[in-house]
Amino acid sequence: MAKPLSLSKFERLKSKKDIDTLFLHGKAFFVFPFKVMYQLVEPVSALYPIQLGVSVPKKIFKRAVDRNIMKRRMREIYRLNKIEINQFLISQKKAIHVMIVYTNKTMMSTSELTPYILDVLKKIEKRMTI
């Protein structure tokens, strides 16, 4: 059984095939400072209804250190706030792949990013009810 506040390898979107499919056939929306791609998929596991990927383009932050810091912050905020969306998707018997791409040209702290990630999660949940 997975720990509720962990972010296991099964919850991460890592497969090149899955990522390519997401970018080709997925839907997208924008919530400053993120572009969010998502796609409904067949549920693989009842424990992990959402697979998440985060990306920070090299075009925006040239230094890998800065990109990695932003990705860590985004994953950490998601990890701490994922319980509600996981429970919702389990109750709906749905599974999704999500890619969050950071688009702002300046670094943001964890406290600055938190409300935006929460907004992203709410919008994903809202779009799954439609």
N, C-alpha and C. Protein backbone atom coordinates (compact mmCIF):
# COMPACT_ATOMS: atom_id res chain seq x y z
N MET A 1 0.85 -1.19 0.00
CA MET A 1 0.00 0.00 0.00
C MET A 1 0.89 1.24 0.00
N ALA A 2 0.54 2.17 -0.82
CA ALA A 2 1.32 3.40 -0.94
C ALA A 2 1.04 4.34 0.23
N LYS A 3 2.05 5.06 0.61
CA LYS A 3 1.85 6.08 1.63
C LYS A 3 1.06 7.21 1.00
N PRO A 4 0.12 7.81 1.73
CA PRO A 4 -0.76 8.81 1.12
C PRO A 4 -0.05 10.07 0.63
N LEU A 5 1.04 10.45 1.26
CA LEU A 5 1.72 11.68 0.85
C LEU A 5 3.05 11.42 0.15
N SER A 6 3.18 10.25 -0.47
CA SER A 6 4.39 9.99 -1.23
C SER A 6 4.11 10.28 -2.70
N LEU A 7 5.14 10.27 -3.49
CA LEU A 7 4.99 10.42 -4.93
C LEU A 7 5.80 9.29 -5.56
N SER A 8 5.17 8.13 -5.66
CA SER A 8 5.88 6.93 -6.10
C SER A 8 6.15 6.96 -7.59
N LYS A 9 6.97 6.03 -8.05
CA LYS A 9 7.30 5.99 -9.47
C LYS A 9 6.08 5.67 -10.33
N PHE A 10 5.08 5.02 -9.76
CA PHE A 10 3.86 4.70 -10.50
C PHE A 10 2.98 5.93 -10.71
N GLU A 11 3.21 6.98 -9.94
CA GLU A 11 2.43 8.22 -10.06
C GLU A 11 3.10 9.23 -10.98
N ARG A 12 4.29 8.91 -11.45
CA ARG A 12 5.02 9.83 -12.32
C ARG A 12 4.84 9.43 -13.78
N LEU A 13 4.67 10.40 -14.61
CA LEU A 13 4.51 10.17 -16.04
C LEU A 13 5.91 10.16 -16.64
N LYS A 14 6.41 8.95 -16.97
CA LYS A 14 7.78 8.85 -17.43
C LYS A 14 7.91 8.22 -18.82
N SER A 15 6.93 7.46 -19.23
CA SER A 15 6.99 6.74 -20.49
C SER A 15 6.97 7.70 -21.67
N LYS A 16 7.96 7.59 -22.56
CA LYS A 16 8.01 8.45 -23.74
C LYS A 16 6.75 8.26 -24.59
N LYS A 17 6.29 7.04 -24.70
CA LYS A 17 5.08 6.74 -25.48
C LYS A 17 3.87 7.47 -24.89
N ASP A 18 3.73 7.41 -23.57
CA ASP A 18 2.60 8.08 -22.91
C ASP A 18 2.69 9.60 -23.05
N ILE A 19 3.89 10.15 -22.93
CA ILE A 19 4.08 11.59 -23.05
C ILE A 19 3.79 12.05 -24.47
N ASP A 20 4.29 11.30 -25.46
CA ASP A 20 4.02 11.66 -26.86
C ASP A 20 2.53 11.62 -27.16
N THR A 21 1.84 10.58 -26.68
CA THR A 21 0.40 10.46 -26.88
C THR A 21 -0.33 11.63 -26.22
N LEU A 22 0.11 12.00 -25.03
CA LEU A 22 -0.50 13.11 -24.32
C LEU A 22 -0.38 14.41 -25.12
N PHE A 23 0.81 14.68 -25.66
CA PHE A 23 1.01 15.92 -26.41
C PHE A 23 0.29 15.90 -27.76
N LEU A 24 0.11 14.72 -28.34
CA LEU A 24 -0.58 14.62 -29.63
C LEU A 24 -2.10 14.67 -29.50
N HIS A 25 -2.64 13.94 -28.52
CA HIS A 25 -4.09 13.76 -28.45
C HIS A 25 -4.73 14.36 -27.20
N GLY A 26 -3.94 14.88 -26.29
CA GLY A 26 -4.49 15.42 -25.05
C GLY A 26 -5.11 16.79 -25.22
N LYS A 27 -5.83 17.20 -24.20
CA LYS A 27 -6.42 18.53 -24.16
C LYS A 27 -5.53 19.42 -23.31
N ALA A 28 -5.65 20.73 -23.51
CA ALA A 28 -4.77 21.66 -22.79
C ALA A 28 -5.55 22.86 -22.30
N PHE A 29 -5.05 23.45 -21.23
CA PHE A 29 -5.55 24.73 -20.76
C PHE A 29 -4.39 25.46 -20.09
N PHE A 30 -4.59 26.74 -19.88
CA PHE A 30 -3.54 27.58 -19.32
C PHE A 30 -4.01 28.19 -18.01
N VAL A 31 -3.20 28.04 -16.98
CA VAL A 31 -3.40 28.72 -15.70
C VAL A 31 -2.05 29.33 -15.37
N PHE A 32 -1.98 30.65 -15.36
CA PHE A 32 -0.69 31.30 -15.11
C PHE A 32 -0.06 30.70 -13.86
N PRO A 33 1.17 30.32 -13.88
CA PRO A 33 2.20 30.31 -14.91
C PRO A 33 2.38 28.94 -15.58
N PHE A 34 1.31 28.17 -15.71
CA PHE A 34 1.43 26.81 -16.23
C PHE A 34 0.59 26.58 -17.47
N LYS A 35 1.12 25.78 -18.37
CA LYS A 35 0.33 25.19 -19.44
C LYS A 35 0.12 23.75 -18.99
N VAL A 36 -1.13 23.32 -18.99
CA VAL A 36 -1.46 21.99 -18.48
C VAL A 36 -2.04 21.15 -19.61
N MET A 37 -1.45 19.99 -19.84
CA MET A 37 -1.94 19.02 -20.81
C MET A 37 -2.50 17.85 -20.01
N TYR A 38 -3.65 17.33 -20.44
CA TYR A 38 -4.21 16.17 -19.74
C TYR A 38 -4.95 15.28 -20.73
N GLN A 39 -5.05 14.01 -20.38
CA GLN A 39 -5.73 13.05 -21.23
C GLN A 39 -6.30 11.93 -20.38
N LEU A 40 -7.55 11.58 -20.65
CA LEU A 40 -8.19 10.45 -20.00
C LEU A 40 -7.56 9.17 -20.52
N VAL A 41 -7.25 8.23 -19.64
CA VAL A 41 -6.66 6.95 -20.04
C VAL A 41 -7.40 5.81 -19.35
N GLU A 42 -7.11 4.61 -19.77
CA GLU A 42 -7.68 3.44 -19.11
C GLU A 42 -7.03 3.28 -17.74
N PRO A 43 -7.82 3.05 -16.69
CA PRO A 43 -7.23 2.87 -15.36
C PRO A 43 -6.35 1.62 -15.31
N VAL A 44 -5.10 1.80 -14.94
CA VAL A 44 -4.17 0.68 -14.81
C VAL A 44 -4.22 0.13 -13.39
N SER A 45 -4.24 1.05 -12.43
CA SER A 45 -4.26 0.66 -11.03
C SER A 45 -5.26 1.54 -10.28
N ALA A 46 -6.01 0.92 -9.39
CA ALA A 46 -6.97 1.68 -8.60
C ALA A 46 -6.27 2.61 -7.61
N LEU A 47 -5.03 2.29 -7.27
CA LEU A 47 -4.29 3.11 -6.30
C LEU A 47 -3.75 4.39 -6.91
N TYR A 48 -3.47 4.37 -8.22
CA TYR A 48 -2.82 5.52 -8.86
C TYR A 48 -3.64 6.01 -10.05
N PRO A 49 -4.69 6.80 -9.81
CA PRO A 49 -5.55 7.24 -10.91
C PRO A 49 -4.97 8.40 -11.73
N ILE A 50 -3.90 8.99 -11.26
CA ILE A 50 -3.32 10.12 -11.98
C ILE A 50 -1.81 9.91 -12.08
N GLN A 51 -1.29 10.13 -13.29
CA GLN A 51 0.16 10.12 -13.49
C GLN A 51 0.54 11.53 -13.90
N LEU A 52 1.51 12.09 -13.20
CA LEU A 52 1.88 13.48 -13.38
C LEU A 52 3.31 13.61 -13.90
N GLY A 53 3.48 14.53 -14.83
CA GLY A 53 4.80 14.92 -15.29
C GLY A 53 4.93 16.42 -15.15
N VAL A 54 6.12 16.89 -14.84
CA VAL A 54 6.36 18.33 -14.77
C VAL A 54 7.52 18.67 -15.70
N SER A 55 7.46 19.86 -16.27
CA SER A 55 8.49 20.26 -17.21
C SER A 55 8.78 21.75 -17.07
N VAL A 56 10.04 22.09 -17.19
CA VAL A 56 10.46 23.49 -17.23
C VAL A 56 11.37 23.62 -18.44
N PRO A 57 10.96 24.36 -19.47
CA PRO A 57 11.72 24.42 -20.72
C PRO A 57 13.11 25.04 -20.56
N LYS A 58 14.04 24.48 -21.31
CA LYS A 58 15.40 25.00 -21.34
C LYS A 58 15.44 26.40 -21.93
N LYS A 59 14.47 26.71 -22.77
CA LYS A 59 14.40 28.03 -23.40
C LYS A 59 14.16 29.13 -22.35
N ILE A 60 13.44 28.78 -21.27
CA ILE A 60 13.12 29.75 -20.23
C ILE A 60 14.26 29.86 -19.20
N PHE A 61 14.72 28.69 -18.71
CA PHE A 61 15.83 28.66 -17.74
C PHE A 61 16.98 27.88 -18.35
N LYS A 62 18.04 28.57 -18.68
CA LYS A 62 19.19 27.94 -19.34
C LYS A 62 19.92 26.97 -18.41
N ARG A 63 19.99 27.32 -17.13
CA ARG A 63 20.75 26.51 -16.19
C ARG A 63 19.91 25.35 -15.66
N ALA A 64 20.45 24.15 -15.72
CA ALA A 64 19.75 22.95 -15.26
C ALA A 64 19.39 23.05 -13.78
N VAL A 65 20.24 23.72 -13.02
CA VAL A 65 19.98 23.88 -11.59
C VAL A 65 18.65 24.60 -11.36
N ASP A 66 18.42 25.66 -12.12
CA ASP A 66 17.17 26.41 -11.98
C ASP A 66 15.97 25.59 -12.43
N ARG A 67 16.11 24.86 -13.53
CA ARG A 67 15.01 24.01 -14.00
C ARG A 67 14.67 22.95 -12.96
N ASN A 68 15.68 22.34 -12.40
CA ASN A 68 15.46 21.28 -11.41
C ASN A 68 14.81 21.82 -10.14
N ILE A 69 15.20 22.99 -9.71
CA ILE A 69 14.59 23.61 -8.52
C ILE A 69 13.10 23.82 -8.76
N MET A 70 12.75 24.36 -9.92
CA MET A 70 11.34 24.61 -10.22
C MET A 70 10.55 23.31 -10.31
N LYS A 71 11.13 22.29 -10.92
CA LYS A 71 10.44 20.99 -11.02
C LYS A 71 10.24 20.38 -9.64
N ARG A 72 11.24 20.47 -8.78
CA ARG A 72 11.11 19.94 -7.41
C ARG A 72 10.01 20.66 -6.65
N ARG A 73 9.96 21.97 -6.80
CA ARG A 73 8.91 22.75 -6.11
C ARG A 73 7.52 22.35 -6.60
N MET A 74 7.37 22.20 -7.91
CA MET A 74 6.07 21.84 -8.47
C MET A 74 5.64 20.45 -8.01
N ARG A 75 6.55 19.49 -8.03
CA ARG A 75 6.23 18.12 -7.58
C ARG A 75 5.89 18.09 -6.10
N GLU A 76 6.61 18.85 -5.31
CA GLU A 76 6.37 18.88 -3.87
C GLU A 76 4.98 19.44 -3.55
N ILE A 77 4.60 20.51 -4.21
CA ILE A 77 3.27 21.09 -3.98
C ILE A 77 2.20 20.09 -4.38
N TYR A 78 2.39 19.44 -5.53
CA TYR A 78 1.42 18.43 -5.97
C TYR A 78 1.34 17.30 -4.94
N ARG A 79 2.49 16.82 -4.49
CA ARG A 79 2.55 15.70 -3.55
C ARG A 79 1.75 15.99 -2.28
N LEU A 80 1.85 17.22 -1.80
CA LEU A 80 1.17 17.59 -0.56
C LEU A 80 -0.32 17.85 -0.74
N ASN A 81 -0.77 18.03 -1.99
CA ASN A 81 -2.17 18.41 -2.23
C ASN A 81 -2.92 17.46 -3.16
N LYS A 82 -2.40 16.27 -3.37
CA LYS A 82 -2.98 15.36 -4.35
C LYS A 82 -4.13 14.50 -3.82
N ILE A 83 -4.31 14.43 -2.53
CA ILE A 83 -5.27 13.50 -1.94
C ILE A 83 -6.69 13.73 -2.47
N GLU A 84 -7.11 14.98 -2.53
CA GLU A 84 -8.48 15.29 -2.95
C GLU A 84 -8.74 14.85 -4.39
N ILE A 85 -7.84 15.17 -5.30
CA ILE A 85 -8.06 14.79 -6.70
C ILE A 85 -7.97 13.28 -6.88
N ASN A 86 -7.08 12.62 -6.13
CA ASN A 86 -7.00 11.15 -6.21
C ASN A 86 -8.31 10.51 -5.77
N GLN A 87 -8.86 10.98 -4.66
CA GLN A 87 -10.12 10.42 -4.17
C GLN A 87 -11.25 10.67 -5.16
N PHE A 88 -11.27 11.84 -5.77
CA PHE A 88 -12.29 12.16 -6.75
C PHE A 88 -12.20 11.22 -7.96
N LEU A 89 -11.00 11.03 -8.49
CA LEU A 89 -10.82 10.18 -9.66
C LEU A 89 -11.13 8.72 -9.35
N ILE A 90 -10.78 8.27 -8.16
CA ILE A 90 -11.10 6.89 -7.76
C ILE A 90 -12.61 6.71 -7.69
N SER A 91 -13.32 7.70 -7.12
CA SER A 91 -14.78 7.60 -7.01
C SER A 91 -15.45 7.63 -8.39
N GLN A 92 -14.84 8.34 -9.35
CA GLN A 92 -15.38 8.41 -10.72
C GLN A 92 -14.91 7.24 -11.59
N LYS A 93 -13.99 6.43 -11.05
CA LYS A 93 -13.38 5.31 -11.78
C LYS A 93 -12.74 5.79 -13.08
N LYS A 94 -11.99 6.89 -12.97
CA LYS A 94 -11.28 7.46 -14.11
C LYS A 94 -9.79 7.51 -13.80
N ALA A 95 -9.00 7.58 -14.87
CA ALA A 95 -7.55 7.74 -14.72
C ALA A 95 -7.09 8.74 -15.78
N ILE A 96 -6.12 9.58 -15.42
CA ILE A 96 -5.63 10.58 -16.36
C ILE A 96 -4.11 10.69 -16.32
N HIS A 97 -3.57 11.18 -17.42
CA HIS A 97 -2.17 11.58 -17.50
C HIS A 97 -2.17 13.11 -17.54
N VAL A 98 -1.28 13.72 -16.78
CA VAL A 98 -1.20 15.18 -16.72
C VAL A 98 0.26 15.61 -16.87
N MET A 99 0.47 16.64 -17.69
CA MET A 99 1.80 17.25 -17.80
C MET A 99 1.63 18.73 -17.50
N ILE A 100 2.40 19.22 -16.54
CA ILE A 100 2.37 20.63 -16.17
C ILE A 100 3.68 21.26 -16.65
N VAL A 101 3.56 22.26 -17.51
CA VAL A 101 4.72 22.94 -18.08
C VAL A 101 4.78 24.36 -17.51
N TYR A 102 5.89 24.68 -16.88
CA TYR A 102 6.09 26.01 -16.30
C TYR A 102 6.43 26.99 -17.41
N THR A 103 5.73 28.15 -17.47
CA THR A 103 5.94 29.09 -18.57
C THR A 103 6.42 30.47 -18.15
N ASN A 104 6.52 30.73 -16.85
CA ASN A 104 6.94 32.05 -16.39
C ASN A 104 8.45 32.21 -16.56
N LYS A 105 8.90 33.41 -16.84
CA LYS A 105 10.32 33.64 -17.07
C LYS A 105 11.09 33.93 -15.78
N THR A 106 10.39 34.04 -14.66
CA THR A 106 11.07 34.30 -13.38
C THR A 106 10.83 33.14 -12.43
N MET A 107 11.78 32.95 -11.53
CA MET A 107 11.67 31.90 -10.50
C MET A 107 10.58 32.31 -9.51
N MET A 108 9.82 31.34 -9.04
CA MET A 108 8.79 31.59 -8.04
C MET A 108 9.06 30.67 -6.85
N SER A 109 8.76 31.17 -5.66
CA SER A 109 8.96 30.35 -4.47
C SER A 109 7.82 29.35 -4.34
N THR A 110 8.00 28.40 -3.46
CA THR A 110 6.97 27.38 -3.22
C THR A 110 5.68 28.02 -2.75
N SER A 111 5.77 29.00 -1.87
CA SER A 111 4.56 29.65 -1.37
C SER A 111 3.84 30.43 -2.47
N GLU A 112 4.59 30.97 -3.44
CA GLU A 112 3.97 31.68 -4.55
C GLU A 112 3.31 30.71 -5.53
N LEU A 113 3.91 29.53 -5.71
CA LEU A 113 3.40 28.55 -6.67
C LEU A 113 2.18 27.78 -6.15
N THR A 114 2.07 27.62 -4.84
CA THR A 114 1.03 26.76 -4.26
C THR A 114 -0.38 27.11 -4.73
N PRO A 115 -0.84 28.37 -4.68
CA PRO A 115 -2.22 28.63 -5.12
C PRO A 115 -2.45 28.30 -6.59
N TYR A 116 -1.42 28.45 -7.42
CA TYR A 116 -1.58 28.15 -8.84
C TYR A 116 -1.72 26.64 -9.09
N ILE A 117 -0.91 25.85 -8.38
CA ILE A 117 -1.02 24.39 -8.52
C ILE A 117 -2.38 23.92 -8.01
N LEU A 118 -2.85 24.50 -6.90
CA LEU A 118 -4.18 24.14 -6.39
C LEU A 118 -5.26 24.48 -7.40
N ASP A 119 -5.10 25.62 -8.07
CA ASP A 119 -6.05 26.01 -9.12
C ASP A 119 -6.03 25.02 -10.28
N VAL A 120 -4.83 24.58 -10.66
CA VAL A 120 -4.69 23.58 -11.72
C VAL A 120 -5.44 22.29 -11.34
N LEU A 121 -5.24 21.83 -10.11
CA LEU A 121 -5.89 20.59 -9.66
C LEU A 121 -7.42 20.73 -9.66
N LYS A 122 -7.91 21.90 -9.24
CA LYS A 122 -9.36 22.14 -9.24
C LYS A 122 -9.91 22.14 -10.67
N LYS A 123 -9.17 22.75 -11.59
CA LYS A 123 -9.65 22.80 -12.98
C LYS A 123 -9.64 21.41 -13.61
N ILE A 124 -8.65 20.61 -13.29
CA ILE A 124 -8.62 19.24 -13.81
C ILE A 124 -9.83 18.47 -13.28
N GLU A 125 -10.08 18.61 -11.97
CA GLU A 125 -11.21 17.92 -11.36
C GLU A 125 -12.53 18.38 -12.01
N LYS A 126 -12.65 19.68 -12.25
CA LYS A 126 -13.87 20.23 -12.86
C LYS A 126 -14.06 19.68 -14.29
N ARG A 127 -12.97 19.57 -15.04
CA ARG A 127 -13.06 19.07 -16.41
C ARG A 127 -13.36 17.56 -16.45
N MET A 128 -13.04 16.85 -15.40
CA MET A 128 -13.35 15.42 -15.34
C MET A 128 -14.83 15.17 -15.04
N THR A 129 -15.53 16.16 -14.49
CA THR A 129 -16.95 15.97 -14.20
C THR A 129 -17.80 16.19 -15.44
N ILE A 130 -17.26 16.91 -16.41
CA ILE A 130 -18.02 17.21 -17.63
C ILE A 130 -18.08 15.98 -18.53
